[in-house]
């Protein structure tokens, strides 16, 4: 069996994958990107979106084509010169590796004087030394332009240096 690239209706990748796997017992895969977004009051929202929008990868053989072609949300298989495009198991594993994305970080308790690295934002990749901690916000000292500056950063933007 080979993995085929199936074109599906926009934003219906997960429902097609679920139908193929649960109703027709066809192994199907949708690579996803996992993104973290920060909102007010220190809440972090984890979003899961398809990495390649509009496509599902299905492990098909000759007698299973009819299930895919009959599905109302499937628009067919991607072809090149009339030949269906296929992926090897190794290529699908590479897509799975890309799908791992970021993992939600557990809130970590830092101590005053710890050296940390800032993950994102205007001060990304700079090293900071914690001066004060106050309810999820950290006052840290960052060295820029030959001077030390105090900045206020939320804990989720920090990682061990």
Protein backbone atom coordinates (compact mmCIF):
# COMPACT_ATOMS: atom_id res chain seq x y z
CA UNK A 1 0.00 0.00 0.00
CA UNK A 2 1.09 3.59 -0.64
CA UNK A 3 0.22 6.90 0.93
CA UNK A 4 -1.76 9.10 -1.46
CA UNK A 5 -2.43 12.83 -1.24
CA UNK A 6 -6.18 13.48 -1.16
CA UNK A 7 -7.56 16.97 -1.91
CA UNK A 8 -10.40 17.86 0.48
CA UNK A 9 -12.76 20.78 1.10
CA UNK A 10 -11.21 23.71 2.98
CA UNK A 11 -11.11 23.33 6.77
CA UNK A 12 -12.50 19.80 6.56
CA UNK A 13 -9.21 17.90 6.87
CA UNK A 14 -9.91 16.50 10.34
CA UNK A 15 -13.46 15.40 9.57
CA UNK A 16 -12.31 13.60 6.40
CA UNK A 17 -9.49 11.93 8.31
CA UNK A 18 -11.93 10.82 11.02
CA UNK A 19 -14.39 9.46 8.44
CA UNK A 20 -11.68 7.55 6.58
CA UNK A 21 -10.21 6.01 9.73
CA UNK A 22 -13.39 5.33 11.70
CA UNK A 23 -15.95 4.48 8.99
CA UNK A 24 -13.78 2.88 6.31
CA UNK A 25 -10.78 1.72 8.41
CA UNK A 26 -8.35 3.49 6.07
CA UNK A 27 -5.20 4.82 7.77
CA UNK A 28 -5.24 8.58 7.19
CA UNK A 29 -3.06 11.38 8.46
CA UNK A 30 -3.29 15.18 8.67
CA UNK A 31 -0.03 16.89 9.64
CA UNK A 32 -0.71 19.72 12.08
CA UNK A 33 1.09 22.76 13.40
CA UNK A 34 0.79 23.49 17.08
CA UNK A 35 1.03 27.15 17.98
CA UNK A 36 0.93 28.96 21.28
CA UNK A 37 -0.73 32.35 21.59
CA UNK A 38 -0.80 34.50 24.68
CA UNK A 39 -3.90 36.36 25.80
CA UNK A 40 -4.64 38.63 28.72
CA UNK A 41 -4.36 37.57 32.36
CA UNK A 42 -1.51 35.17 31.66
CA UNK A 43 -3.55 32.61 29.71
CA UNK A 44 -1.84 30.69 26.93
CA UNK A 45 -4.00 29.25 24.13
CA UNK A 46 -2.70 26.26 22.18
CA UNK A 47 -4.00 26.12 18.59
CA UNK A 48 -3.82 23.06 16.40
CA UNK A 49 -4.13 23.74 12.65
CA UNK A 50 -3.41 21.64 9.56
CA UNK A 51 0.17 22.15 8.37
CA UNK A 52 -0.83 21.59 4.73
CA UNK A 53 -4.33 22.98 4.40
CA UNK A 54 -6.78 21.23 2.09
CA UNK A 55 -5.00 17.84 2.00
CA UNK A 56 -5.21 14.51 3.80
CA UNK A 57 -2.69 11.69 3.40
CA UNK A 58 -4.35 8.28 3.10
CA UNK A 59 -2.81 4.80 2.97
CA UNK A 60 -4.83 3.29 0.11
CA UNK A 61 -4.90 0.16 -2.00
CA UNK A 62 -6.97 -0.62 -5.10
CA UNK A 63 -10.21 -1.70 -3.40
CA UNK A 64 -10.36 1.32 -1.06
CA UNK A 65 -10.36 4.03 -3.76
CA UNK A 66 -14.14 3.99 -3.98
CA UNK A 67 -14.51 5.15 -0.35
CA UNK A 68 -12.35 8.19 -0.99
CA UNK A 69 -13.90 9.08 -4.34
CA UNK A 70 -17.45 8.72 -2.92
CA UNK A 71 -16.81 10.93 0.12
CA UNK A 72 -18.66 14.25 -0.27
CA UNK A 73 -15.75 16.34 1.08
CA UNK A 74 -13.04 14.71 -1.06
CA UNK A 75 -12.23 16.27 -4.42
CA UNK A 76 -9.91 13.57 -5.67
CA UNK A 77 -6.31 12.47 -5.46
CA UNK A 78 -3.42 14.74 -6.44
CA UNK A 79 -1.95 13.55 -9.75
CA UNK A 80 1.05 14.47 -11.87
CA UNK A 81 0.65 13.66 -15.56
CA UNK A 82 -2.26 11.34 -14.81
CA UNK A 83 -0.29 9.35 -12.21
CA UNK A 84 -1.40 9.66 -8.58
CA UNK A 85 1.19 11.30 -6.32
CA UNK A 86 2.38 8.93 -3.60
CA UNK A 87 4.48 9.23 -0.48
CA UNK A 88 6.71 6.63 1.10
CA UNK A 89 6.39 5.66 4.75
CA UNK A 90 9.63 7.56 5.39
CA UNK A 91 8.15 10.76 3.96
CA UNK A 92 5.03 10.38 6.12
CA UNK A 93 7.28 9.91 9.19
CA UNK A 94 9.05 13.17 8.24
CA UNK A 95 5.66 14.92 8.15
CA UNK A 96 4.85 13.48 11.58
CA UNK A 97 8.14 14.90 12.84
CA UNK A 98 7.22 18.36 11.49
CA UNK A 99 3.84 18.13 13.22
CA UNK A 100 5.30 17.93 16.71
CA UNK A 101 5.63 21.73 16.96
CA UNK A 102 5.84 23.40 20.34
CA UNK A 103 4.68 21.79 23.52
CA UNK A 104 2.82 23.78 26.15
CA UNK A 105 5.28 24.73 28.85
CA UNK A 106 4.57 24.09 32.47
CA UNK A 107 4.72 27.16 34.67
CA UNK A 108 8.15 27.11 36.22
CA UNK A 109 9.08 28.91 39.36
CA UNK A 110 12.16 31.02 38.84
CA UNK A 111 14.26 32.52 41.62
CA UNK A 112 15.73 35.98 41.88
CA UNK A 113 19.20 36.02 40.33
CA UNK A 114 18.52 33.20 37.83
CA UNK A 115 19.94 33.66 34.34
CA UNK A 116 17.27 33.00 31.72
CA UNK A 117 16.79 33.36 27.97
CA UNK A 118 13.80 35.18 26.53
CA UNK A 119 11.92 32.94 24.04
CA UNK A 120 9.77 35.41 22.05
CA UNK A 121 8.94 39.06 21.73
CA UNK A 122 10.98 42.21 21.32
CA UNK A 123 13.76 40.83 23.53
CA UNK A 124 13.86 37.32 21.99
CA UNK A 125 17.12 35.41 22.39
CA UNK A 126 18.55 37.89 24.91
CA UNK A 127 19.81 36.68 28.25
CA UNK A 128 18.12 38.16 31.32
CA UNK A 129 18.77 38.10 35.07
CA UNK A 130 15.69 38.05 37.30
CA UNK A 131 15.43 41.03 39.66
CA UNK A 132 11.86 40.62 40.94
CA UNK A 133 8.90 38.24 40.48
CA UNK A 134 5.28 39.37 40.85
CA UNK A 135 2.27 37.11 39.98
CA UNK A 136 3.43 35.65 36.67
CA UNK A 137 5.37 38.73 35.68
CA UNK A 138 9.11 38.93 36.00
CA UNK A 139 11.18 42.08 36.24
CA UNK A 140 14.49 41.20 34.65
CA UNK A 141 17.70 43.00 33.80
CA UNK A 142 18.74 42.81 30.14
CA UNK A 143 22.01 44.14 28.79
CA UNK A 144 21.60 46.08 25.55
CA UNK A 145 23.73 48.74 23.88
CA UNK A 146 26.33 48.52 26.64
CA UNK A 147 23.80 49.35 29.39
CA UNK A 148 21.54 47.37 31.69
CA UNK A 149 17.79 47.85 31.28
CA UNK A 150 14.95 46.56 33.44
CA UNK A 151 12.12 44.95 31.49
CA UNK A 152 8.83 43.36 32.54
CA UNK A 153 8.28 39.91 30.99
CA UNK A 154 5.68 37.20 31.59
CA UNK A 155 7.00 33.85 32.87
CA UNK A 156 5.91 31.88 29.81
CA UNK A 157 8.36 33.81 27.63
CA UNK A 158 11.35 32.61 29.66
CA UNK A 159 13.45 29.46 29.47
CA UNK A 160 16.61 28.31 31.21
CA UNK A 161 19.77 29.79 29.71
